[in-house]
């Protein structure tokens, strides 16, 4: 599946673009330095680890304004580090596994970029393998029975990850937060379970009526579409909407994936 094969590359690009400050304002750059993934030297919680969480929600917010023809589309992005989306992901994994020892696995942006590999060959890129390899690379710093990776994903249209879209003709505006969950065995690093994070049941009717973009989405008033990227980070409607969709989709999807 093309989207699956592009997944890890898009995940990495999201983090690197937000880290570089593309489209971000000074306030976002300041908060980026406080990101919990900024250094792999963050002290780990003590005790055994049953579930290691590797959140790759990141802080990149996409702004897509689609034209009547594809070459008229306009794209921009901004950093929303202050929304603490990776922290939210880790908290929902803990909530979905009561009684289990859950630890967050930290990493640097440089490590995410390389996927834990010393050498990279873009001509032989395999997303599924690279995600598992990244888990294997991180595992020695915090040995866990299982690892849960939560990362950005593509919907059925052009949306990817977290952001907002405006469509031509009816000018409808959609806020979206599309994520994917993978659970790996901590010994063999085999993929145990996987699923897209959804707020509703994955049925034909739900996909048609409640997930028109192929994932968690919320239609907003046209006035909510940001005129410029700087308008995003301090907008409580966008911030709370994304956090609410992330929470609802992870709370519904994670529990069955974490059951033995």
Protein backbone atom coordinates (compact mmCIF):
# COMPACT_ATOMS: atom_id res chain seq x y z
CA UNK A 1 0.00 0.00 0.00
CA UNK A 2 1.56 3.28 -1.16
CA UNK A 3 0.48 5.28 1.87
CA UNK A 4 1.87 2.67 4.24
CA UNK A 5 5.20 2.67 2.42
CA UNK A 6 5.40 6.48 2.70
CA UNK A 7 4.45 6.56 6.36
CA UNK A 8 7.85 6.65 8.06
CA UNK A 9 9.24 9.20 5.58
CA UNK A 10 6.27 11.49 6.26
CA UNK A 11 6.64 11.01 10.01
CA UNK A 12 10.29 12.03 9.88
CA UNK A 13 9.59 14.96 7.56
CA UNK A 14 6.93 16.28 9.93
CA UNK A 15 9.35 16.36 12.85
CA UNK A 16 12.26 17.80 10.90
CA UNK A 17 10.22 20.54 9.28
CA UNK A 18 8.73 21.61 12.58
CA UNK A 19 12.14 21.44 14.25
CA UNK A 20 13.65 23.69 11.57
CA UNK A 21 11.07 26.35 12.36
CA UNK A 22 9.59 26.47 8.86
CA UNK A 23 6.56 28.71 9.15
CA UNK A 24 6.96 28.94 12.94
CA UNK A 25 7.13 32.11 14.98
CA UNK A 26 9.64 33.05 17.68
CA UNK A 27 7.38 31.80 20.45
CA UNK A 28 7.18 28.40 18.84
CA UNK A 29 10.95 28.28 18.47
CA UNK A 30 11.37 29.01 22.16
CA UNK A 31 8.97 26.27 23.18
CA UNK A 32 10.66 23.82 20.81
CA UNK A 33 13.71 23.87 23.04
CA UNK A 34 11.54 22.50 25.83
CA UNK A 35 10.29 19.54 23.80
CA UNK A 36 10.47 16.32 25.75
CA UNK A 37 11.95 14.63 22.69
CA UNK A 38 14.75 17.16 22.38
CA UNK A 39 17.24 14.95 24.16
CA UNK A 40 17.61 11.25 24.71
CA UNK A 41 19.31 11.98 28.05
CA UNK A 42 16.02 12.65 29.83
CA UNK A 43 16.02 10.50 32.99
CA UNK A 44 13.79 7.43 32.65
CA UNK A 45 11.31 6.41 35.31
CA UNK A 46 12.63 3.71 37.61
CA UNK A 47 11.39 0.12 37.79
CA UNK A 48 10.55 -2.53 35.18
CA UNK A 49 8.90 -1.56 31.93
CA UNK A 50 5.97 -3.51 30.55
CA UNK A 51 5.01 -1.01 27.84
CA UNK A 52 7.37 1.48 26.21
CA UNK A 53 5.67 4.38 24.45
CA UNK A 54 7.26 5.96 21.38
CA UNK A 55 5.00 8.90 20.46
CA UNK A 56 5.67 10.56 17.12
CA UNK A 57 2.74 12.97 16.96
CA UNK A 58 5.20 15.86 16.79
CA UNK A 59 4.38 19.53 16.69
CA UNK A 60 3.73 20.15 12.99
CA UNK A 61 0.33 21.55 11.98
CA UNK A 62 -0.52 21.49 8.28
CA UNK A 63 -2.63 24.17 6.58
CA UNK A 64 -4.12 23.06 3.26
CA UNK A 65 -6.17 25.33 1.03
CA UNK A 66 -7.31 23.31 -1.96
CA UNK A 67 -8.09 24.95 -5.27
CA UNK A 68 -10.51 23.83 -7.98
CA UNK A 69 -7.44 22.36 -9.74
CA UNK A 70 -4.57 20.64 -7.94
CA UNK A 71 -1.92 23.09 -9.17
CA UNK A 72 -3.89 25.86 -7.42
CA UNK A 73 -3.56 24.18 -4.00
CA UNK A 74 -1.78 26.19 -1.31
CA UNK A 75 0.11 24.55 1.55
CA UNK A 76 1.77 25.97 4.64
CA UNK A 77 2.73 24.67 8.07
CA UNK A 78 3.57 25.84 11.56
CA UNK A 79 4.94 24.44 14.80
CA UNK A 80 2.52 23.88 17.69
CA UNK A 81 4.98 22.62 20.29
CA UNK A 82 3.03 24.29 23.10
CA UNK A 83 0.14 21.88 22.45
CA UNK A 84 2.27 19.03 23.87
CA UNK A 85 0.79 16.39 21.58
CA UNK A 86 3.46 13.76 22.29
CA UNK A 87 2.79 14.16 26.02
CA UNK A 88 -0.91 13.65 25.34
CA UNK A 89 -0.22 10.46 23.38
CA UNK A 90 1.88 9.04 26.22
CA UNK A 91 -0.82 9.87 28.77
CA UNK A 92 -3.51 8.05 26.75
CA UNK A 93 -1.35 4.91 26.51
CA UNK A 94 -0.99 4.96 30.30
CA UNK A 95 -4.76 5.38 30.67
CA UNK A 96 -5.39 2.46 28.29
CA UNK A 97 -3.16 0.10 30.27
CA UNK A 98 -4.17 0.45 33.95
CA UNK A 99 -2.03 -1.61 36.26
CA UNK A 100 0.81 -1.87 33.73
CA UNK A 101 4.20 -0.22 34.04
CA UNK A 102 4.27 2.28 31.16
CA UNK A 103 7.42 4.23 30.28
CA UNK A 104 8.03 6.82 27.60
CA UNK A 105 11.04 6.19 25.36
CA UNK A 106 12.84 9.41 24.41
CA UNK A 107 14.89 10.11 21.30
CA UNK A 108 16.55 13.03 19.54
CA UNK A 109 15.39 14.48 16.26
CA UNK A 110 18.70 13.41 14.75
CA UNK A 111 17.95 9.82 15.79
CA UNK A 112 14.48 10.02 14.25
CA UNK A 113 15.96 11.40 11.04
CA UNK A 114 18.39 8.50 10.72
CA UNK A 115 15.92 5.94 12.05
CA UNK A 116 18.76 4.68 14.20
CA UNK A 117 20.85 3.79 11.14
CA UNK A 118 24.40 4.98 10.63
CA UNK A 119 23.97 4.89 6.87
CA UNK A 120 20.87 5.70 4.86
CA UNK A 121 19.99 4.58 1.36
CA UNK A 122 16.90 6.40 0.07
CA UNK A 123 16.75 4.10 -2.97
CA UNK A 124 15.99 1.09 -0.79
CA UNK A 125 13.52 2.61 1.63
CA UNK A 126 10.93 0.39 3.34
CA UNK A 127 8.63 2.13 5.80
CA UNK A 128 7.39 -0.97 7.61
CA UNK A 129 10.91 -2.24 8.23
CA UNK A 130 12.28 1.16 9.17
CA UNK A 131 9.68 1.73 11.90
CA UNK A 132 10.53 -1.65 13.45
CA UNK A 133 14.25 -0.86 13.13
CA UNK A 134 13.73 2.43 14.94
CA UNK A 135 12.02 0.59 17.80
CA UNK A 136 14.88 -1.92 17.90
CA UNK A 137 17.41 0.94 17.99
CA UNK A 138 15.67 2.64 20.95
CA UNK A 139 14.96 -0.52 22.94
CA UNK A 140 18.35 -0.88 24.75
CA UNK A 141 17.91 2.41 26.60
CA UNK A 142 14.65 1.24 28.17
CA UNK A 143 13.98 -2.48 27.84
CA UNK A 144 10.24 -3.18 27.79
CA UNK A 145 8.01 -6.19 27.20
CA UNK A 146 6.17 -4.34 24.44
CA UNK A 147 6.57 -1.09 22.54
CA UNK A 148 3.75 1.12 21.29
CA UNK A 149 4.46 3.51 18.41
CA UNK A 150 1.84 6.18 17.69
CA UNK A 151 2.55 8.18 14.54
CA UNK A 152 0.95 10.35 11.90
CA UNK A 153 -0.98 8.71 9.08
CA UNK A 154 -2.72 9.52 5.83
CA UNK A 155 -6.47 9.57 5.31
CA UNK A 156 -8.48 8.73 2.22
CA UNK A 157 -8.01 12.18 0.72
CA UNK A 158 -4.94 14.44 0.73
CA UNK A 159 -4.80 15.09 4.46
CA UNK A 160 -1.90 13.67 6.45
CA UNK A 161 -1.27 13.83 10.18
CA UNK A 162 -2.60 16.88 11.98
CA UNK A 163 -3.92 20.07 10.42
CA UNK A 164 -6.77 21.92 8.76
CA UNK A 165 -8.13 21.89 5.20
CA UNK A 166 -10.40 24.13 3.19
CA UNK A 167 -12.10 22.77 0.09
CA UNK A 168 -13.16 24.78 -2.99
CA UNK A 169 -16.72 25.46 -4.08
CA UNK A 170 -18.47 25.00 -0.72
CA UNK A 171 -15.40 26.36 1.18
CA UNK A 172 -15.93 23.72 3.88
CA UNK A 173 -13.26 23.66 6.59
CA UNK A 174 -12.10 20.43 8.27
CA UNK A 175 -9.83 20.03 11.28
CA UNK A 176 -8.19 16.60 11.36
CA UNK A 177 -5.92 14.42 13.53
CA UNK A 178 -5.10 11.18 11.71
CA UNK A 179 -2.85 8.75 13.60
CA UNK A 180 -1.76 5.12 13.41
CA UNK A 181 -0.79 2.71 16.21
CA UNK A 182 1.71 -0.16 16.04
CA UNK A 183 2.47 -2.57 18.90
CA UNK A 184 5.77 -4.51 18.85
CA UNK A 185 7.07 -7.41 20.91
CA UNK A 186 9.95 -6.25 23.11
CA UNK A 187 11.99 -9.39 22.52
CA UNK A 188 11.58 -10.27 18.85
CA UNK A 189 10.40 -6.80 17.72
CA UNK A 190 7.73 -8.51 15.67
CA UNK A 191 4.62 -6.47 14.93
CA UNK A 192 1.93 -7.82 17.27
CA UNK A 193 -1.04 -5.57 16.50
CA UNK A 194 -1.77 -2.44 14.50
CA UNK A 195 -4.71 -0.17 13.76
CA UNK A 196 -5.59 3.32 12.69
CA UNK A 197 -6.73 5.49 15.59
CA UNK A 198 -10.46 6.12 15.06
CA UNK A 199 -13.17 7.74 17.16
CA UNK A 200 -15.89 5.47 15.73
CA UNK A 201 -16.26 1.87 14.61
CA UNK A 202 -14.50 1.11 11.35
CA UNK A 203 -17.61 0.22 9.36
CA UNK A 204 -18.70 1.35 5.92
CA UNK A 205 -21.40 3.62 7.38
CA UNK A 206 -19.00 5.15 9.90
CA UNK A 207 -16.40 5.79 7.22
CA UNK A 208 -19.03 7.38 5.00
CA UNK A 209 -20.83 9.52 7.56
CA UNK A 210 -18.36 10.12 10.41
CA UNK A 211 -14.93 9.81 8.81
CA UNK A 212 -15.24 11.56 5.44
CA UNK A 213 -11.49 12.20 5.31
CA UNK A 214 -10.57 8.69 6.38
CA UNK A 215 -9.86 9.51 10.02
CA UNK A 216 -10.84 11.74 12.96
CA UNK A 217 -12.14 15.02 11.60
CA UNK A 218 -14.30 17.91 12.72
CA UNK A 219 -16.00 20.40 10.41
CA UNK A 220 -15.53 24.00 11.52
CA UNK A 221 -16.95 27.37 10.61
CA UNK A 222 -15.21 28.94 7.62
CA UNK A 223 -13.96 31.76 9.87
CA UNK A 224 -11.77 29.24 11.71
CA UNK A 225 -9.47 28.75 8.71
CA UNK A 226 -6.27 30.61 9.62
CA UNK A 227 -5.32 33.54 7.42
CA UNK A 228 -1.64 32.96 8.24
CA UNK A 229 0.31 30.21 10.05
CA UNK A 230 1.00 32.45 13.05
CA UNK A 231 -2.74 32.43 13.82
CA UNK A 232 -2.76 28.71 14.62
CA UNK A 233 -0.77 28.13 17.81
CA UNK A 234 -2.80 30.47 20.04
CA UNK A 235 -6.20 29.49 18.61
CA UNK A 236 -8.04 27.54 21.37
CA UNK A 237 -10.60 26.10 18.94
CA UNK A 238 -7.91 24.46 16.83
CA UNK A 239 -5.80 23.39 19.82
CA UNK A 240 -8.67 21.94 21.83
CA UNK A 241 -10.19 20.34 18.74
CA UNK A 242 -7.00 18.48 17.87
CA UNK A 243 -6.40 17.39 21.45
CA UNK A 244 -10.01 16.21 21.79
CA UNK A 245 -9.85 14.14 18.60
CA UNK A 246 -6.50 12.63 19.60
CA UNK A 247 -7.84 11.74 23.02
CA UNK A 248 -11.09 10.23 21.72
CA UNK A 249 -9.44 8.20 18.96
CA UNK A 250 -6.63 6.86 21.15
CA UNK A 251 -8.99 6.06 24.04
CA UNK A 252 -11.17 4.01 21.69
CA UNK A 253 -8.43 2.27 19.72
CA UNK A 254 -5.67 1.60 22.25
CA UNK A 255 -7.38 -0.67 24.86
CA UNK A 256 -8.03 -3.65 22.55
CA UNK A 257 -4.54 -3.32 21.06
CA UNK A 258 -2.93 -3.48 24.51
CA UNK A 259 -4.88 -6.46 25.81
CA UNK A 260 -2.85 -9.68 25.95
